[in-house]
Amino acid sequence: MVGVLNTTIVYDNPNQTLWDFMIRKTKKIKVKVDFIPIVDVPLGDYFNNPKDKQVFQKWLNDLWLTKDRYIDSKLSNSN
């Protein structure tokens, strides 16, 4: 299967970073990985076709909004 691994990391303390985790300053994280089949990714001529660029940017922005909602829900559940 060909696709994209959409990975979201939620730190127990939202002020911590990936670097904090790598140097073991972070004790707890949540990791969510979703597989997005390549057929679901709006591929096109991003650099030469303004419509393709717009469609891809909307898709990516929607993906980020979904990630933000997921992170918010996990942080509110941990309090």
PDB file of N, CA and C in Angstrom:
ATOM      1  N   MET A   1       0.834  -1.187   0.000  1.00  0.00           N
ATOM      2  CA  MET A   1       0.000   0.000   0.000  1.00  0.00           C
ATOM      3  C   MET A   1       0.875   1.246   0.000  1.00  0.00           C
ATOM      4  N   VAL A   2       0.460   2.221  -0.744  1.00  0.00           N
ATOM      5  CA  VAL A   2       1.170   3.491  -0.803  1.00  0.00           C
ATOM      6  C   VAL A   2       0.286   4.554  -0.173  1.00  0.00           C
ATOM      7  N   GLY A   3       0.882   5.367   0.682  1.00  0.00           N
ATOM      8  CA  GLY A   3       0.105   6.409   1.326  1.00  0.00           C
ATOM      9  C   GLY A   3       0.959   7.283   2.212  1.00  0.00           C
ATOM     10  N   VAL A   4       0.287   8.005   3.065  1.00  0.00           N
ATOM     11  CA  VAL A   4       0.923   8.939   3.979  1.00  0.00           C
ATOM     12  C   VAL A   4       0.632   8.481   5.409  1.00  0.00           C
ATOM     13  N   LEU A   5       1.662   8.470   6.249  1.00  0.00           N
ATOM     14  CA  LEU A   5       1.446   8.218   7.668  1.00  0.00           C
ATOM     15  C   LEU A   5       1.265   9.565   8.345  1.00  0.00           C
ATOM     16  N   ASN A   6       0.061   9.828   8.774  1.00  0.00           N
ATOM     17  CA  ASN A   6      -0.284  11.079   9.447  1.00  0.00           C
ATOM     18  C   ASN A   6      -0.084  10.846  10.942  1.00  0.00           C
ATOM     19  N   THR A   7       0.975  11.421  11.498  1.00  0.00           N
ATOM     20  CA  THR A   7       1.346  11.183  12.886  1.00  0.00           C
ATOM     21  C   THR A   7       1.100  12.420  13.732  1.00  0.00           C
ATOM     22  N   THR A   8       0.446  12.210  14.858  1.00  0.00           N
ATOM     23  CA  THR A   8       0.173  13.288  15.800  1.00  0.00           C
ATOM     24  C   THR A   8       0.741  12.888  17.154  1.00  0.00           C
ATOM     25  N   ILE A   9       1.506  13.790  17.759  1.00  0.00           N
ATOM     26  CA  ILE A   9       2.080  13.555  19.088  1.00  0.00           C
ATOM     27  C   ILE A   9       1.477  14.574  20.047  1.00  0.00           C
ATOM     28  N   VAL A  10       0.961  14.069  21.159  1.00  0.00           N
ATOM     29  CA  VAL A  10       0.399  14.945  22.185  1.00  0.00           C
ATOM     30  C   VAL A  10       1.243  14.768  23.445  1.00  0.00           C
ATOM     31  N   TYR A  11       1.845  15.843  23.886  1.00  0.00           N
ATOM     32  CA  TYR A  11       2.653  15.824  25.100  1.00  0.00           C
ATOM     33  C   TYR A  11       1.750  16.069  26.298  1.00  0.00           C
ATOM     34  N   ASP A  12       2.043  15.416  27.405  1.00  0.00           N
ATOM     35  CA  ASP A  12       1.262  15.588  28.620  1.00  0.00           C
ATOM     36  C   ASP A  12       1.258  17.057  29.051  1.00  0.00           C
ATOM     37  N   ASN A  13       2.389  17.712  28.886  1.00  0.00           N
ATOM     38  CA  ASN A  13       2.509  19.137  29.173  1.00  0.00           C
ATOM     39  C   ASN A  13       2.624  19.850  27.830  1.00  0.00           C
ATOM     40  N   PRO A  14       1.634  20.653  27.436  1.00  0.00           N
ATOM     41  CA  PRO A  14       1.653  21.260  26.106  1.00  0.00           C
ATOM     42  C   PRO A  14       2.803  22.241  25.881  1.00  0.00           C
ATOM     43  N   ASN A  15       3.527  22.611  26.942  1.00  0.00           N
ATOM     44  CA  ASN A  15       4.667  23.510  26.782  1.00  0.00           C
ATOM     45  C   ASN A  15       5.944  22.768  26.415  1.00  0.00           C
ATOM     46  N   GLN A  16       5.880  21.448  26.415  1.00  0.00           N
ATOM     47  CA  GLN A  16       7.073  20.675  26.075  1.00  0.00           C
ATOM     48  C   GLN A  16       7.154  20.454  24.577  1.00  0.00           C
ATOM     49  N   THR A  17       8.331  20.093  24.135  1.00  0.00           N
ATOM     50  CA  THR A  17       8.618  19.959  22.715  1.00  0.00           C
ATOM     51  C   THR A  17       9.146  18.570  22.404  1.00  0.00           C
ATOM     52  N   LEU A  18       9.304  18.310  21.117  1.00  0.00           N
ATOM     53  CA  LEU A  18       9.917  17.046  20.689  1.00  0.00           C
ATOM     54  C   LEU A  18      11.315  16.923  21.286  1.00  0.00           C
ATOM     55  N   TRP A  19      12.050  18.015  21.316  1.00  0.00           N
ATOM     56  CA  TRP A  19      13.395  17.977  21.893  1.00  0.00           C
ATOM     57  C   TRP A  19      13.342  17.586  23.371  1.00  0.00           C
ATOM     58  N   ASP A  20      12.396  18.133  24.123  1.00  0.00           N
ATOM     59  CA  ASP A  20      12.241  17.755  25.527  1.00  0.00           C
ATOM     60  C   ASP A  20      12.014  16.256  25.656  1.00  0.00           C
ATOM     61  N   PHE A  21      11.211  15.713  24.769  1.00  0.00           N
ATOM     62  CA  PHE A  21      10.955  14.273  24.800  1.00  0.00           C
ATOM     63  C   PHE A  21      12.231  13.496  24.493  1.00  0.00           C
ATOM     64  N   MET A  22      12.980  13.954  23.506  1.00  0.00           N
ATOM     65  CA  MET A  22      14.198  13.239  23.091  1.00  0.00           C
ATOM     66  C   MET A  22      15.262  13.242  24.189  1.00  0.00           C
ATOM     67  N   ILE A  23      15.285  14.280  25.004  1.00  0.00           N
ATOM     68  CA  ILE A  23      16.273  14.317  26.082  1.00  0.00           C
ATOM     69  C   ILE A  23      15.659  13.868  27.420  1.00  0.00           C
ATOM     70  N   ARG A  24      14.503  13.229  27.327  1.00  0.00           N
ATOM     71  CA  ARG A  24      13.833  12.586  28.460  1.00  0.00           C
ATOM     72  C   ARG A  24      13.313  13.542  29.524  1.00  0.00           C
ATOM     73  N   LYS A  25      12.974  14.761  29.114  1.00  0.00           N
ATOM     74  CA  LYS A  25      12.332  15.690  30.050  1.00  0.00           C
ATOM     75  C   LYS A  25      10.823  15.456  30.098  1.00  0.00           C
ATOM     76  N   THR A  26      10.288  14.795  29.092  1.00  0.00           N
ATOM     77  CA  THR A  26       8.861  14.508  29.013  1.00  0.00           C
ATOM     78  C   THR A  26       8.628  13.074  29.479  1.00  0.00           C
ATOM     79  N   LYS A  27       7.694  12.915  30.367  1.00  0.00           N
ATOM     80  CA  LYS A  27       7.430  11.587  30.927  1.00  0.00           C
ATOM     81  C   LYS A  27       6.337  10.830  30.190  1.00  0.00           C
ATOM     82  N   LYS A  28       5.391  11.567  29.585  1.00  0.00           N
ATOM     83  CA  LYS A  28       4.231  10.887  28.996  1.00  0.00           C
ATOM     84  C   LYS A  28       3.815  11.581  27.707  1.00  0.00           C
ATOM     85  N   ILE A  29       3.579  10.782  26.663  1.00  0.00           N
ATOM     86  CA  ILE A  29       3.067  11.302  25.401  1.00  0.00           C
ATOM     87  C   ILE A  29       1.987  10.364  24.889  1.00  0.00           C
ATOM     88  N   LYS A  30       1.189  10.875  23.992  1.00  0.00           N
ATOM     89  CA  LYS A  30       0.224  10.051  23.260  1.00  0.00           C
ATOM     90  C   LYS A  30       0.584  10.180  21.787  1.00  0.00           C
ATOM     91  N   VAL A  31       0.603   9.071  21.085  1.00  0.00           N
ATOM     92  CA  VAL A  31       0.928   9.068  19.666  1.00  0.00           C
ATOM     93  C   VAL A  31      -0.237   8.451  18.905  1.00  0.00           C
ATOM     94  N   LYS A  32      -0.676   9.159  17.876  1.00  0.00           N
ATOM     95  CA  LYS A  32      -1.755   8.664  17.014  1.00  0.00           C
ATOM     96  C   LYS A  32      -1.205   8.631  15.591  1.00  0.00           C
ATOM     97  N   VAL A  33      -1.342   7.496  14.943  1.00  0.00           N
ATOM     98  CA  VAL A  33      -0.874   7.350  13.565  1.00  0.00           C
ATOM     99  C   VAL A  33      -2.032   6.870  12.707  1.00  0.00           C
ATOM    100  N   ASP A  34      -2.323   7.633  11.668  1.00  0.00           N
ATOM    101  CA  ASP A  34      -3.356   7.259  10.702  1.00  0.00           C
ATOM    102  C   ASP A  34      -2.701   7.049   9.349  1.00  0.00           C
ATOM    103  N   PHE A  35      -3.160   6.055   8.642  1.00  0.00           N
ATOM    104  CA  PHE A  35      -2.688   5.812   7.273  1.00  0.00           C
ATOM    105  C   PHE A  35      -3.683   6.451   6.316  1.00  0.00           C
ATOM    106  N   ILE A  36      -3.190   7.325   5.460  1.00  0.00           N
ATOM    107  CA  ILE A  36      -4.025   7.956   4.443  1.00  0.00           C
ATOM    108  C   ILE A  36      -3.614   7.373   3.090  1.00  0.00           C
ATOM    109  N   PRO A  37      -4.477   6.574   2.468  1.00  0.00           N
ATOM    110  CA  PRO A  37      -4.130   6.017   1.156  1.00  0.00           C
ATOM    111  C   PRO A  37      -3.835   7.133   0.156  1.00  0.00           C
ATOM    112  N   ILE A  38      -2.876   6.908  -0.696  1.00  0.00           N
ATOM    113  CA  ILE A  38      -2.451   7.936  -1.645  1.00  0.00           C
ATOM    114  C   ILE A  38      -3.603   8.381  -2.553  1.00  0.00           C
ATOM    115  N   VAL A  39      -4.561   7.488  -2.784  1.00  0.00           N
ATOM    116  CA  VAL A  39      -5.700   7.876  -3.626  1.00  0.00           C
ATOM    117  C   VAL A  39      -6.571   8.934  -2.949  1.00  0.00           C
ATOM    118  N   ASP A  40      -6.429   9.083  -1.617  1.00  0.00           N
ATOM    119  CA  ASP A  40      -7.197  10.092  -0.881  1.00  0.00           C
ATOM    120  C   ASP A  40      -6.464  11.431  -0.780  1.00  0.00           C
ATOM    121  N   VAL A  41      -5.232  11.474  -1.253  1.00  0.00           N
ATOM    122  CA  VAL A  41      -4.442  12.709  -1.228  1.00  0.00           C
ATOM    123  C   VAL A  41      -4.639  13.422  -2.568  1.00  0.00           C
ATOM    124  N   PRO A  42      -5.065  14.677  -2.542  1.00  0.00           N
ATOM    125  CA  PRO A  42      -5.325  15.383  -3.803  1.00  0.00           C
ATOM    126  C   PRO A  42      -4.025  15.791  -4.513  1.00  0.00           C
ATOM    127  N   LEU A  43      -3.505  14.856  -5.254  1.00  0.00           N
ATOM    128  CA  LEU A  43      -2.279  15.119  -6.003  1.00  0.00           C
ATOM    129  C   LEU A  43      -2.618  15.844  -7.295  1.00  0.00           C
ATOM    130  N   GLY A  44      -1.742  16.669  -7.715  1.00  0.00           N
ATOM    131  CA  GLY A  44      -1.934  17.411  -8.955  1.00  0.00           C
ATOM    132  C   GLY A  44      -0.661  18.180  -9.254  1.00  0.00           C
ATOM    133  N   ASP A  45      -0.783  19.157 -10.081  1.00  0.00           N
ATOM    134  CA  ASP A  45       0.361  19.992 -10.458  1.00  0.00           C
ATOM    135  C   ASP A  45       0.385  21.213  -9.541  1.00  0.00           C
ATOM    136  N   TYR A  46       0.900  21.015  -8.352  1.00  0.00           N
ATOM    137  CA  TYR A  46       0.886  22.039  -7.310  1.00  0.00           C
ATOM    138  C   TYR A  46       1.551  23.340  -7.759  1.00  0.00           C
ATOM    139  N   PHE A  47       2.652  23.240  -8.487  1.00  0.00           N
ATOM    140  CA  PHE A  47       3.433  24.430  -8.822  1.00  0.00           C
ATOM    141  C   PHE A  47       2.947  25.158 -10.072  1.00  0.00           C
ATOM    142  N   ASN A  48       2.225  24.488 -10.941  1.00  0.00           N
ATOM    143  CA  ASN A  48       1.823  25.109 -12.202  1.00  0.00           C
ATOM    144  C   ASN A  48       0.321  25.271 -12.383  1.00  0.00           C
ATOM    145  N   ASN A  49      -0.472  24.687 -11.494  1.00  0.00           N
ATOM    146  CA  ASN A  49      -1.918  24.766 -11.628  1.00  0.00           C
ATOM    147  C   ASN A  49      -2.513  25.358 -10.345  1.00  0.00           C
ATOM    148  N   PRO A  50      -2.958  26.604 -10.379  1.00  0.00           N
ATOM    149  CA  PRO A  50      -3.490  27.253  -9.173  1.00  0.00           C
ATOM    150  C   PRO A  50      -4.646  26.493  -8.521  1.00  0.00           C
ATOM    151  N   LYS A  51      -5.489  25.851  -9.318  1.00  0.00           N
ATOM    152  CA  LYS A  51      -6.623  25.080  -8.772  1.00  0.00           C
ATOM    153  C   LYS A  51      -6.112  23.873  -7.989  1.00  0.00           C
ATOM    154  N   ASP A  52      -5.141  23.152  -8.560  1.00  0.00           N
ATOM    155  CA  ASP A  52      -4.558  22.004  -7.856  1.00  0.00           C
ATOM    156  C   ASP A  52      -3.918  22.448  -6.542  1.00  0.00           C
ATOM    157  N   LYS A  53      -3.229  23.574  -6.585  1.00  0.00           N
ATOM    158  CA  LYS A  53      -2.588  24.111  -5.383  1.00  0.00           C
ATOM    159  C   LYS A  53      -3.636  24.446  -4.323  1.00  0.00           C
ATOM    160  N   GLN A  54      -4.714  25.076  -4.728  1.00  0.00           N
ATOM    161  CA  GLN A  54      -5.790  25.458  -3.806  1.00  0.00           C
ATOM    162  C   GLN A  54      -6.436  24.219  -3.175  1.00  0.00           C
ATOM    163  N   VAL A  55      -6.706  23.217  -3.985  1.00  0.00           N
ATOM    164  CA  VAL A  55      -7.334  21.988  -3.487  1.00  0.00           C
ATOM    165  C   VAL A  55      -6.420  21.294  -2.480  1.00  0.00           C
ATOM    166  N   PHE A  56      -5.124  21.210  -2.792  1.00  0.00           N
ATOM    167  CA  PHE A  56      -4.183  20.558  -1.880  1.00  0.00           C
ATOM    168  C   PHE A  56      -4.055  21.349  -0.574  1.00  0.00           C
ATOM    169  N   GLN A  57      -3.955  22.674  -0.666  1.00  0.00           N
ATOM    170  CA  GLN A  57      -3.829  23.490   0.531  1.00  0.00           C
ATOM    171  C   GLN A  57      -5.061  23.364   1.425  1.00  0.00           C
ATOM    172  N   LYS A  58      -6.247  23.298   0.836  1.00  0.00           N
ATOM    173  CA  LYS A  58      -7.464  23.109   1.632  1.00  0.00           C
ATOM    174  C   LYS A  58      -7.439  21.748   2.320  1.00  0.00           C
ATOM    175  N   TRP A  59      -7.046  20.718   1.588  1.00  0.00           N
ATOM    176  CA  TRP A  59      -6.961  19.371   2.151  1.00  0.00           C
ATOM    177  C   TRP A  59      -5.992  19.361   3.340  1.00  0.00           C
ATOM    178  N   LEU A  60      -4.827  19.971   3.156  1.00  0.00           N
ATOM    179  CA  LEU A  60      -3.823  20.004   4.209  1.00  0.00           C
ATOM    180  C   LEU A  60      -4.296  20.826   5.414  1.00  0.00           C
ATOM    181  N   ASN A  61      -4.915  21.963   5.176  1.00  0.00           N
ATOM    182  CA  ASN A  61      -5.445  22.772   6.274  1.00  0.00           C
ATOM    183  C   ASN A  61      -6.524  22.031   7.048  1.00  0.00           C
ATOM    184  N   ASP A  62      -7.381  21.303   6.346  1.00  0.00           N
ATOM    185  CA  ASP A  62      -8.413  20.494   7.013  1.00  0.00           C
ATOM    186  C   ASP A  62      -7.770  19.406   7.867  1.00  0.00           C
ATOM    187  N   LEU A  63      -6.698  18.814   7.364  1.00  0.00           N
ATOM    188  CA  LEU A  63      -5.967  17.795   8.113  1.00  0.00           C
ATOM    189  C   LEU A  63      -5.406  18.392   9.409  1.00  0.00           C
ATOM    190  N   TRP A  64      -4.829  19.582   9.324  1.00  0.00           N
ATOM    191  CA  TRP A  64      -4.298  20.250  10.508  1.00  0.00           C
ATOM    192  C   TRP A  64      -5.407  20.606  11.492  1.00  0.00           C
ATOM    193  N   LEU A  65      -6.559  21.043  11.012  1.00  0.00           N
ATOM    194  CA  LEU A  65      -7.679  21.343  11.914  1.00  0.00           C
ATOM    195  C   LEU A  65      -8.131  20.094  12.663  1.00  0.00           C
ATOM    196  N   THR A  66      -8.167  18.967  11.964  1.00  0.00           N
ATOM    197  CA  THR A  66      -8.532  17.697  12.599  1.00  0.00           C
ATOM    198  C   THR A  66      -7.506  17.325  13.667  1.00  0.00           C
ATOM    199  N   LYS A  67      -6.231  17.516  13.356  1.00  0.00           N
ATOM    200  CA  LYS A  67      -5.174  17.241  14.333  1.00  0.00           C
ATOM    201  C   LYS A  67      -5.325  18.145  15.554  1.00  0.00           C
ATOM    202  N   ASP A  68      -5.591  19.434  15.324  1.00  0.00           N
ATOM    203  CA  ASP A  68      -5.760  20.372  16.433  1.00  0.00           C
ATOM    204  C   ASP A  68      -6.915  19.965  17.339  1.00  0.00           C
ATOM    205  N   ARG A  69      -8.022  19.539  16.738  1.00  0.00           N
ATOM    206  CA  ARG A  69      -9.176  19.092  17.538  1.00  0.00           C
ATOM    207  C   ARG A  69      -8.816  17.857  18.361  1.00  0.00           C
ATOM    208  N   TYR A  70      -8.087  16.936  17.752  1.00  0.00           N
ATOM    209  CA  TYR A  70      -7.660  15.727  18.465  1.00  0.00           C
ATOM    210  C   TYR A  70      -6.772  16.097  19.654  1.00  0.00           C
ATOM    211  N   ILE A  71      -5.793  16.963  19.417  1.00  0.00           N
ATOM    212  CA  ILE A  71      -4.886  17.386  20.489  1.00  0.00           C
ATOM    213  C   ILE A  71      -5.667  18.067  21.601  1.00  0.00           C
ATOM    214  N   ASP A  72      -6.558  18.971  21.249  1.00  0.00           N
ATOM    215  CA  ASP A  72      -7.381  19.658  22.256  1.00  0.00           C
ATOM    216  C   ASP A  72      -8.193  18.668  23.082  1.00  0.00           C
ATOM    217  N   SER A  73      -8.758  17.677  22.424  1.00  0.00           N
ATOM    218  CA  SER A  73      -9.575  16.696  23.159  1.00  0.00           C
ATOM    219  C   SER A  73      -8.715  15.872  24.121  1.00  0.00           C
ATOM    220  N   LYS A  74      -7.519  15.506  23.710  1.00  0.00           N
ATOM    221  CA  LYS A  74      -6.640  14.725  24.594  1.00  0.00           C
ATOM    222  C   LYS A  74      -6.142  15.563  25.759  1.00  0.00           C
ATOM    223  N   LEU A  75      -5.847  16.822  25.519  1.00  0.00           N
ATOM    224  CA  LEU A  75      -5.383  17.686  26.606  1.00  0.00           C
ATOM    225  C   LEU A  75      -6.502  17.976  27.603  1.00  0.00           C
ATOM    226  N   SER A  76      -7.721  18.158  27.105  1.00  0.00           N
ATOM    227  CA  SER A  76      -8.830  18.426  28.034  1.00  0.00           C
ATOM    228  C   SER A  76      -9.194  17.183  28.837  1.00  0.00           C
ATOM    229  N   ASN A  77      -8.971  15.994  28.276  1.00  0.00           N
ATOM    230  CA  ASN A  77      -9.259  14.753  28.985  1.00  0.00           C
ATOM    231  C   ASN A  77      -8.197  14.428  30.031  1.00  0.00           C
ATOM    232  N   SER A  78      -7.006  15.002  29.892  1.00  0.00           N
ATOM    233  CA  SER A  78      -5.939  14.665  30.836  1.00  0.00           C
ATOM    234  C   SER A  78      -5.971  15.527  32.082  1.00  0.00           C
ATOM    235  N   ASN A  79      -6.800  16.575  32.080  1.00  0.00           N
ATOM    236  CA  ASN A  79      -6.882  17.458  33.261  1.00  0.00           C
ATOM    237  C   ASN A  79      -7.899  16.956  34.248  1.00  0.00           C
TER     238      ASN A  79
END
